[in-house]
């Protein structure tokens, strides 16, 4: 019989809505919240850091990045530009 690994309890506080949303997400993936947290911890240890790149992008910066991904529109005259603006 193999000895089980020592286990410990972790307590965290989070917003109720965030917990409910996370539980629904993980349930759709077939795992519970505890399993998801353990996966996060194990991957963090394996990677030697967070298993994702944290970002802090403001809504304005996000809008600029989205606009930069759009295909540019080239116009040949002011009248053509006015027509495009009027139809937006």
PDB file of N, CA and C in Angstrom:
ATOM      1  N   UNK A   1       0.846  -1.186   0.000  1.00  0.00           N
ATOM      2  CA  UNK A   1       0.000   0.000   0.000  1.00  0.00           C
ATOM      3  C   UNK A   1       0.884   1.239   0.000  1.00  0.00           C
ATOM      4  N   UNK A   2       0.610   2.149  -0.903  1.00  0.00           N
ATOM      5  CA  UNK A   2       1.410   3.365  -1.037  1.00  0.00           C
ATOM      6  C   UNK A   2       0.929   4.411  -0.038  1.00  0.00           C
ATOM      7  N   UNK A   3       1.863   5.063   0.645  1.00  0.00           N
ATOM      8  CA  UNK A   3       1.496   6.123   1.593  1.00  0.00           C
ATOM      9  C   UNK A   3       0.997   7.330   0.816  1.00  0.00           C
ATOM     10  N   UNK A   4      -0.100   7.919   1.287  1.00  0.00           N
ATOM     11  CA  UNK A   4      -0.623   9.099   0.597  1.00  0.00           C
ATOM     12  C   UNK A   4       0.224  10.321   0.950  1.00  0.00           C
ATOM     13  N   UNK A   5       0.300  11.237   0.012  1.00  0.00           N
ATOM     14  CA  UNK A   5       1.060  12.468   0.233  1.00  0.00           C
ATOM     15  C   UNK A   5       0.355  13.300   1.301  1.00  0.00           C
ATOM     16  N   UNK A   6       1.158  13.971   2.119  1.00  0.00           N
ATOM     17  CA  UNK A   6       0.574  14.853   3.138  1.00  0.00           C
ATOM     18  C   UNK A   6      -0.219  15.940   2.440  1.00  0.00           C
ATOM     19  N   UNK A   7      -1.367  16.236   2.980  1.00  0.00           N
ATOM     20  CA  UNK A   7      -2.241  17.240   2.375  1.00  0.00           C
ATOM     21  C   UNK A   7      -2.409  18.388   3.346  1.00  0.00           C
ATOM     22  N   UNK A   8      -2.703  19.550   2.819  1.00  0.00           N
ATOM     23  CA  UNK A   8      -2.947  20.729   3.638  1.00  0.00           C
ATOM     24  C   UNK A   8      -4.111  21.509   3.039  1.00  0.00           C
ATOM     25  N   UNK A   9      -4.685  22.361   3.823  1.00  0.00           N
ATOM     26  CA  UNK A   9      -5.848  23.145   3.391  1.00  0.00           C
ATOM     27  C   UNK A   9      -5.402  24.568   3.096  1.00  0.00           C
ATOM     28  N   UNK A  10      -5.960  25.144   2.047  1.00  0.00           N
ATOM     29  CA  UNK A  10      -5.730  26.548   1.687  1.00  0.00           C
ATOM     30  C   UNK A  10      -7.070  27.258   1.780  1.00  0.00           C
ATOM     31  N   UNK A  11      -7.101  28.399   2.445  1.00  0.00           N
ATOM     32  CA  UNK A  11      -8.311  29.205   2.511  1.00  0.00           C
ATOM     33  C   UNK A  11      -8.044  30.519   1.805  1.00  0.00           C
ATOM     34  N   UNK A  12      -8.946  30.905   0.898  1.00  0.00           N
ATOM     35  CA  UNK A  12      -8.830  32.189   0.217  1.00  0.00           C
ATOM     36  C   UNK A  12     -10.178  32.889   0.252  1.00  0.00           C
ATOM     37  N   UNK A  13     -10.143  34.184   0.098  1.00  0.00           N
ATOM     38  CA  UNK A  13     -11.373  34.968  -0.027  1.00  0.00           C
ATOM     39  C   UNK A  13     -11.436  35.532  -1.429  1.00  0.00           C
ATOM     40  N   UNK A  14     -12.626  35.521  -1.999  1.00  0.00           N
ATOM     41  CA  UNK A  14     -12.842  36.085  -3.322  1.00  0.00           C
ATOM     42  C   UNK A  14     -14.276  36.579  -3.410  1.00  0.00           C
ATOM     43  N   UNK A  15     -14.574  37.304  -4.445  1.00  0.00           N
ATOM     44  CA  UNK A  15     -15.944  37.783  -4.634  1.00  0.00           C
ATOM     45  C   UNK A  15     -16.855  36.604  -4.954  1.00  0.00           C
ATOM     46  N   UNK A  16     -18.061  36.658  -4.413  1.00  0.00           N
ATOM     47  CA  UNK A  16     -19.018  35.568  -4.599  1.00  0.00           C
ATOM     48  C   UNK A  16     -19.306  35.328  -6.077  1.00  0.00           C
ATOM     49  N   UNK A  17     -19.484  36.412  -6.843  1.00  0.00           N
ATOM     50  CA  UNK A  17     -19.802  36.245  -8.268  1.00  0.00           C
ATOM     51  C   UNK A  17     -18.635  35.621  -9.024  1.00  0.00           C
ATOM     52  N   UNK A  18     -17.395  35.988  -8.658  1.00  0.00           N
ATOM     53  CA  UNK A  18     -16.233  35.397  -9.324  1.00  0.00           C
ATOM     54  C   UNK A  18     -16.168  33.902  -9.037  1.00  0.00           C
ATOM     55  N   UNK A  19     -16.410  33.524  -7.789  1.00  0.00           N
ATOM     56  CA  UNK A  19     -16.405  32.098  -7.425  1.00  0.00           C
ATOM     57  C   UNK A  19     -17.474  31.345  -8.213  1.00  0.00           C
ATOM     58  N   UNK A  20     -18.670  31.913  -8.297  1.00  0.00           N
ATOM     59  CA  UNK A  20     -19.762  31.252  -9.012  1.00  0.00           C
ATOM     60  C   UNK A  20     -19.437  31.115 -10.497  1.00  0.00           C
ATOM     61  N   UNK A  21     -18.864  32.162 -11.091  1.00  0.00           N
ATOM     62  CA  UNK A  21     -18.498  32.103 -12.512  1.00  0.00           C
ATOM     63  C   UNK A  21     -17.404  31.069 -12.747  1.00  0.00           C
ATOM     64  N   UNK A  22     -16.408  31.031 -11.854  1.00  0.00           N
ATOM     65  CA  UNK A  22     -15.318  30.057 -11.979  1.00  0.00           C
ATOM     66  C   UNK A  22     -15.853  28.633 -11.818  1.00  0.00           C
ATOM     67  N   UNK A  23     -16.731  28.426 -10.844  1.00  0.00           N
ATOM     68  CA  UNK A  23     -17.308  27.087 -10.640  1.00  0.00           C
ATOM     69  C   UNK A  23     -18.076  26.640 -11.875  1.00  0.00           C
ATOM     70  N   UNK A  24     -18.840  27.548 -12.479  1.00  0.00           N
ATOM     71  CA  UNK A  24     -19.595  27.203 -13.687  1.00  0.00           C
ATOM     72  C   UNK A  24     -18.645  26.854 -14.839  1.00  0.00           C
ATOM     73  N   UNK A  25     -17.593  27.635 -14.986  1.00  0.00           N
ATOM     74  CA  UNK A  25     -16.612  27.369 -16.039  1.00  0.00           C
ATOM     75  C   UNK A  25     -15.958  26.008 -15.840  1.00  0.00           C
ATOM     76  N   UNK A  26     -15.443  25.771 -14.634  1.00  0.00           N
ATOM     77  CA  UNK A  26     -14.737  24.519 -14.387  1.00  0.00           C
ATOM     78  C   UNK A  26     -15.678  23.324 -14.453  1.00  0.00           C
ATOM     79  N   UNK A  27     -16.932  23.512 -14.034  1.00  0.00           N
ATOM     80  CA  UNK A  27     -17.922  22.445 -14.154  1.00  0.00           C
ATOM     81  C   UNK A  27     -18.105  22.068 -15.621  1.00  0.00           C
ATOM     82  N   UNK A  28     -18.116  23.083 -16.507  1.00  0.00           N
ATOM     83  CA  UNK A  28     -18.272  22.806 -17.944  1.00  0.00           C
ATOM     84  C   UNK A  28     -17.054  22.064 -18.496  1.00  0.00           C
ATOM     85  N   UNK A  29     -15.917  22.180 -17.792  1.00  0.00           N
ATOM     86  CA  UNK A  29     -14.700  21.469 -18.192  1.00  0.00           C
ATOM     87  C   UNK A  29     -14.572  20.114 -17.505  1.00  0.00           C
ATOM     88  N   UNK A  30     -15.530  19.816 -16.619  1.00  0.00           N
ATOM     89  CA  UNK A  30     -15.539  18.517 -15.946  1.00  0.00           C
ATOM     90  C   UNK A  30     -14.650  18.441 -14.720  1.00  0.00           C
ATOM     91  N   UNK A  31     -14.300  19.597 -14.146  1.00  0.00           N
ATOM     92  CA  UNK A  31     -13.487  19.594 -12.928  1.00  0.00           C
ATOM     93  C   UNK A  31     -14.118  20.518 -11.896  1.00  0.00           C
ATOM     94  N   UNK A  32     -13.756  20.306 -10.636  1.00  0.00           N
ATOM     95  CA  UNK A  32     -14.274  21.195  -9.601  1.00  0.00           C
ATOM     96  C   UNK A  32     -13.258  22.306  -9.317  1.00  0.00           C
ATOM     97  N   UNK A  33     -13.665  23.259  -8.495  1.00  0.00           N
ATOM     98  CA  UNK A  33     -12.827  24.419  -8.194  1.00  0.00           C
ATOM     99  C   UNK A  33     -11.515  24.007  -7.526  1.00  0.00           C
ATOM    100  N   UNK A  34     -11.568  23.067  -6.606  1.00  0.00           N
ATOM    101  CA  UNK A  34     -10.355  22.600  -5.932  1.00  0.00           C
ATOM    102  C   UNK A  34      -9.354  21.992  -6.904  1.00  0.00           C
ATOM    103  N   UNK A  35      -9.849  21.196  -7.839  1.00  0.00           N
ATOM    104  CA  UNK A  35      -8.974  20.598  -8.846  1.00  0.00           C
ATOM    105  C   UNK A  35      -8.352  21.687  -9.717  1.00  0.00           C
ATOM    106  N   UNK A  36      -9.149  22.686 -10.092  1.00  0.00           N
ATOM    107  CA  UNK A  36      -8.638  23.786 -10.915  1.00  0.00           C
ATOM    108  C   UNK A  36      -7.539  24.551 -10.185  1.00  0.00           C
ATOM    109  N   UNK A  37      -7.726  24.816  -8.896  1.00  0.00           N
ATOM    110  CA  UNK A  37      -6.706  25.515  -8.113  1.00  0.00           C
ATOM    111  C   UNK A  37      -5.437  24.664  -8.038  1.00  0.00           C
ATOM    112  N   UNK A  38      -5.588  23.351  -7.819  1.00  0.00           N
ATOM    113  CA  UNK A  38      -4.422  22.473  -7.775  1.00  0.00           C
ATOM    114  C   UNK A  38      -3.700  22.424  -9.123  1.00  0.00           C
ATOM    115  N   UNK A  39      -4.452  22.438 -10.221  1.00  0.00           N
ATOM    116  CA  UNK A  39      -3.829  22.497 -11.548  1.00  0.00           C
ATOM    117  C   UNK A  39      -3.034  23.791 -11.714  1.00  0.00           C
ATOM    118  N   UNK A  40      -3.624  24.905 -11.274  1.00  0.00           N
ATOM    119  CA  UNK A  40      -2.944  26.201 -11.344  1.00  0.00           C
ATOM    120  C   UNK A  40      -1.643  26.167 -10.536  1.00  0.00           C
ATOM    121  N   UNK A  41      -1.707  25.657  -9.310  1.00  0.00           N
ATOM    122  CA  UNK A  41      -0.523  25.602  -8.458  1.00  0.00           C
ATOM    123  C   UNK A  41       0.563  24.706  -9.067  1.00  0.00           C
ATOM    124  N   UNK A  42       0.160  23.539  -9.550  1.00  0.00           N
ATOM    125  CA  UNK A  42       1.130  22.604 -10.136  1.00  0.00           C
ATOM    126  C   UNK A  42       1.789  23.207 -11.377  1.00  0.00           C
ATOM    127  N   UNK A  43       1.005  23.860 -12.220  1.00  0.00           N
ATOM    128  CA  UNK A  43       1.569  24.462 -13.438  1.00  0.00           C
ATOM    129  C   UNK A  43       2.479  25.630 -13.087  1.00  0.00           C
ATOM    130  N   UNK A  44       2.117  26.405 -12.069  1.00  0.00           N
ATOM    131  CA  UNK A  44       2.970  27.508 -11.619  1.00  0.00           C
ATOM    132  C   UNK A  44       4.323  27.001 -11.153  1.00  0.00           C
ATOM    133  N   UNK A  45       4.312  25.920 -10.372  1.00  0.00           N
ATOM    134  CA  UNK A  45       5.571  25.334  -9.886  1.00  0.00           C
ATOM    135  C   UNK A  45       6.388  24.812 -11.065  1.00  0.00           C
ATOM    136  N   UNK A  46       5.729  24.122 -11.993  1.00  0.00           N
ATOM    137  CA  UNK A  46       6.418  23.578 -13.172  1.00  0.00           C
ATOM    138  C   UNK A  46       7.057  24.691 -13.992  1.00  0.00           C
ATOM    139  N   UNK A  47       6.318  25.807 -14.198  1.00  0.00           N
ATOM    140  CA  UNK A  47       6.804  26.923 -15.015  1.00  0.00           C
ATOM    141  C   UNK A  47       7.771  27.834 -14.262  1.00  0.00           C
ATOM    142  N   UNK A  48       7.791  27.714 -12.948  1.00  0.00           N
ATOM    143  CA  UNK A  48       8.626  28.609 -12.152  1.00  0.00           C
ATOM    144  C   UNK A  48       8.074  30.022 -12.121  1.00  0.00           C
ATOM    145  N   UNK A  49       6.775  30.157 -12.254  1.00  0.00           N
ATOM    146  CA  UNK A  49       6.101  31.459 -12.255  1.00  0.00           C
ATOM    147  C   UNK A  49       4.650  31.261 -12.627  1.00  0.00           C
ATOM    148  N   UNK A  50       3.977  32.358 -12.886  1.00  0.00           N
ATOM    149  CA  UNK A  50       2.571  32.261 -13.282  1.00  0.00           C
ATOM    150  C   UNK A  50       2.462  31.560 -14.634  1.00  0.00           C
ATOM    151  N   UNK A  51       1.442  30.711 -14.813  1.00  0.00           N
ATOM    152  CA  UNK A  51       1.295  29.998 -16.078  1.00  0.00           C
ATOM    153  C   UNK A  51       0.606  30.828 -17.162  1.00  0.00           C
ATOM    154  N   UNK A  52       0.626  32.116 -16.997  1.00  0.00           N
ATOM    155  CA  UNK A  52       0.074  33.044 -17.985  1.00  0.00           C
ATOM    156  C   UNK A  52       0.777  34.372 -17.791  1.00  0.00           C
ATOM    157  N   UNK A  53       0.659  35.248 -18.766  1.00  0.00           N
ATOM    158  CA  UNK A  53       1.281  36.567 -18.669  1.00  0.00           C
ATOM    159  C   UNK A  53       0.232  37.569 -18.205  1.00  0.00           C
ATOM    160  N   UNK A  54       0.380  38.088 -16.988  1.00  0.00           N
ATOM    161  CA  UNK A  54      -0.604  39.060 -16.514  1.00  0.00           C
ATOM    162  C   UNK A  54      -0.497  40.356 -17.304  1.00  0.00           C
ATOM    163  N   UNK A  55      -1.631  40.968 -17.543  1.00  0.00           N
ATOM    164  CA  UNK A  55      -1.644  42.230 -18.270  1.00  0.00           C
ATOM    165  C   UNK A  55      -2.478  43.249 -17.508  1.00  0.00           C
ATOM    166  N   UNK A  56      -2.205  44.466 -17.774  1.00  0.00           N
ATOM    167  CA  UNK A  56      -2.965  45.558 -17.181  1.00  0.00           C
ATOM    168  C   UNK A  56      -3.236  46.569 -18.278  1.00  0.00           C
ATOM    169  N   UNK A  57      -4.230  46.279 -19.085  1.00  0.00           N
ATOM    170  CA  UNK A  57      -4.555  47.136 -20.218  1.00  0.00           C
ATOM    171  C   UNK A  57      -5.852  47.876 -19.912  1.00  0.00           C
ATOM    172  N   UNK A  58      -5.789  49.181 -20.043  1.00  0.00           N
ATOM    173  CA  UNK A  58      -6.982  49.995 -19.803  1.00  0.00           C
ATOM    174  C   UNK A  58      -7.964  49.791 -20.958  1.00  0.00           C
ATOM    175  N   UNK A  59      -9.241  50.112 -20.741  1.00  0.00           N
ATOM    176  CA  UNK A  59     -10.213  50.014 -21.832  1.00  0.00           C
ATOM    177  C   UNK A  59      -9.795  50.841 -23.059  1.00  0.00           C
ATOM    178  N   UNK A  60      -9.183  52.000 -22.822  1.00  0.00           N
ATOM    179  CA  UNK A  60      -8.725  52.835 -23.941  1.00  0.00           C
ATOM    180  C   UNK A  60      -7.620  52.123 -24.717  1.00  0.00           C
ATOM    181  N   UNK A  61      -6.619  51.573 -23.979  1.00  0.00           N
ATOM    182  CA  UNK A  61      -5.528  50.853 -24.647  1.00  0.00           C
ATOM    183  C   UNK A  61      -6.064  49.645 -25.412  1.00  0.00           C
ATOM    184  N   UNK A  62      -7.035  48.965 -24.836  1.00  0.00           N
ATOM    185  CA  UNK A  62      -7.640  47.822 -25.504  1.00  0.00           C
ATOM    186  C   UNK A  62      -8.333  48.257 -26.797  1.00  0.00           C
ATOM    187  N   UNK A  63      -9.035  49.385 -26.760  1.00  0.00           N
ATOM    188  CA  UNK A  63      -9.711  49.902 -27.959  1.00  0.00           C
ATOM    189  C   UNK A  63      -8.694  50.278 -29.035  1.00  0.00           C
ATOM    190  N   UNK A  64      -7.577  50.871 -28.625  1.00  0.00           N
ATOM    191  CA  UNK A  64      -6.526  51.235 -29.581  1.00  0.00           C
ATOM    192  C   UNK A  64      -5.953  49.976 -30.225  1.00  0.00           C
ATOM    193  N   UNK A  65      -5.695  48.938 -29.412  1.00  0.00           N
ATOM    194  CA  UNK A  65      -5.160  47.691 -29.955  1.00  0.00           C
ATOM    195  C   UNK A  65      -6.141  47.032 -30.918  1.00  0.00           C
ATOM    196  N   UNK A  66      -7.422  47.068 -30.583  1.00  0.00           N
ATOM    197  CA  UNK A  66      -8.440  46.514 -31.483  1.00  0.00           C
ATOM    198  C   UNK A  66      -8.479  47.286 -32.786  1.00  0.00           C
ATOM    199  N   UNK A  67      -8.421  48.613 -32.709  1.00  0.00           N
ATOM    200  CA  UNK A  67      -8.439  49.446 -33.911  1.00  0.00           C
ATOM    201  C   UNK A  67      -7.210  49.177 -34.774  1.00  0.00           C
ATOM    202  N   UNK A  68      -6.071  48.944 -34.145  1.00  0.00           N
ATOM    203  CA  UNK A  68      -4.839  48.680 -34.889  1.00  0.00           C
ATOM    204  C   UNK A  68      -4.911  47.369 -35.661  1.00  0.00           C
ATOM    205  N   UNK A  69      -5.759  46.440 -35.204  1.00  0.00           N
ATOM    206  CA  UNK A  69      -5.903  45.156 -35.898  1.00  0.00           C
ATOM    207  C   UNK A  69      -6.826  45.254 -37.111  1.00  0.00           C
ATOM    208  N   UNK A  70      -7.580  46.353 -37.205  1.00  0.00           N
ATOM    209  CA  UNK A  70      -8.491  46.509 -38.333  1.00  0.00           C
ATOM    210  C   UNK A  70      -7.717  46.841 -39.602  1.00  0.00           C
ATOM    211  N   UNK A  71      -8.254  46.383 -40.715  1.00  0.00           N
ATOM    212  CA  UNK A  71      -7.636  46.654 -42.009  1.00  0.00           C
ATOM    213  C   UNK A  71      -7.790  48.144 -42.335  1.00  0.00           C
ATOM    214  N   UNK A  72      -6.704  48.799 -42.738  1.00  0.00           N
ATOM    215  CA  UNK A  72      -6.810  50.234 -43.057  1.00  0.00           C
ATOM    216  C   UNK A  72      -7.671  50.472 -44.296  1.00  0.00           C
ATOM    217  N   UNK A  73      -8.306  51.618 -44.327  1.00  0.00           N
ATOM    218  CA  UNK A  73      -9.118  52.023 -45.469  1.00  0.00           C
ATOM    219  C   UNK A  73      -8.409  53.192 -46.131  1.00  0.00           C
ATOM    220  N   UNK A  74      -8.143  53.061 -47.404  1.00  0.00           N
ATOM    221  CA  UNK A  74      -7.473  54.123 -48.156  1.00  0.00           C
ATOM    222  C   UNK A  74      -8.502  54.851 -49.008  1.00  0.00           C
ATOM    223  N   UNK A  75      -8.406  56.165 -49.022  1.00  0.00           N
ATOM    224  CA  UNK A  75      -9.330  56.980 -49.811  1.00  0.00           C
ATOM    225  C   UNK A  75      -8.536  57.848 -50.776  1.00  0.00           C
ATOM    226  N   UNK A  76      -9.199  58.201 -51.886  1.00  0.00           N
ATOM    227  CA  UNK A  76      -8.519  58.992 -52.913  1.00  0.00           C
ATOM    228  C   UNK A  76      -8.846  60.469 -52.870  1.00  0.00           C
ATOM    229  N   UNK A  77      -9.924  60.826 -52.115  1.00  0.00           N
ATOM    230  CA  UNK A  77     -10.305  62.236 -52.083  1.00  0.00           C
ATOM    231  C   UNK A  77     -11.055  62.541 -50.784  1.00  0.00           C
ATOM    232  N   UNK A  78     -11.195  63.817 -50.505  1.00  0.00           N
ATOM    233  CA  UNK A  78     -11.948  64.246 -49.320  1.00  0.00           C
ATOM    234  C   UNK A  78     -13.410  63.827 -49.425  1.00  0.00           C
ATOM    235  N   UNK A  79     -13.967  63.920 -50.611  1.00  0.00           N
ATOM    236  CA  UNK A  79     -15.371  63.533 -50.788  1.00  0.00           C
ATOM    237  C   UNK A  79     -15.575  62.050 -50.483  1.00  0.00           C
ATOM    238  N   UNK A  80     -14.631  61.231 -50.911  1.00  0.00           N
ATOM    239  CA  UNK A  80     -14.714  59.800 -50.619  1.00  0.00           C
ATOM    240  C   UNK A  80     -14.623  59.559 -49.110  1.00  0.00           C
ATOM    241  N   UNK A  81     -13.759  60.328 -48.425  1.00  0.00           N
ATOM    242  CA  UNK A  81     -13.630  60.195 -46.972  1.00  0.00           C
ATOM    243  C   UNK A  81     -14.926  60.614 -46.284  1.00  0.00           C
ATOM    244  N   UNK A  82     -15.524  61.709 -46.749  1.00  0.00           N
ATOM    245  CA  UNK A  82     -16.787  62.175 -46.156  1.00  0.00           C
ATOM    246  C   UNK A  82     -17.871  61.119 -46.335  1.00  0.00           C
ATOM    247  N   UNK A  83     -17.920  60.468 -47.494  1.00  0.00           N
ATOM    248  CA  UNK A  83     -18.907  59.415 -47.726  1.00  0.00           C
ATOM    249  C   UNK A  83     -18.720  58.252 -46.747  1.00  0.00           C
ATOM    250  N   UNK A  84     -17.464  57.891 -46.514  1.00  0.00           N
ATOM    251  CA  UNK A  84     -17.182  56.798 -45.573  1.00  0.00           C
ATOM    252  C   UNK A  84     -17.605  57.197 -44.162  1.00  0.00           C
ATOM    253  N   UNK A  85     -17.266  58.413 -43.739  1.00  0.00           N
ATOM    254  CA  UNK A  85     -17.618  58.887 -42.405  1.00  0.00           C
ATOM    255  C   UNK A  85     -19.124  58.961 -42.236  1.00  0.00           C
ATOM    256  N   UNK A  86     -19.833  59.420 -43.257  1.00  0.00           N
ATOM    257  CA  UNK A  86     -21.283  59.534 -43.184  1.00  0.00           C
ATOM    258  C   UNK A  86     -21.968  58.178 -43.079  1.00  0.00           C
ATOM    259  N   UNK A  87     -21.309  57.128 -43.537  1.00  0.00           N
ATOM    260  CA  UNK A  87     -21.916  55.785 -43.548  1.00  0.00           C
ATOM    261  C   UNK A  87     -21.437  54.899 -42.397  1.00  0.00           C
ATOM    262  N   UNK A  88     -20.760  55.477 -41.415  1.00  0.00           N
ATOM    263  CA  UNK A  88     -20.274  54.679 -40.284  1.00  0.00           C
ATOM    264  C   UNK A  88     -21.358  54.548 -39.257  1.00  0.00           C
TER     265      UNK A  88
END
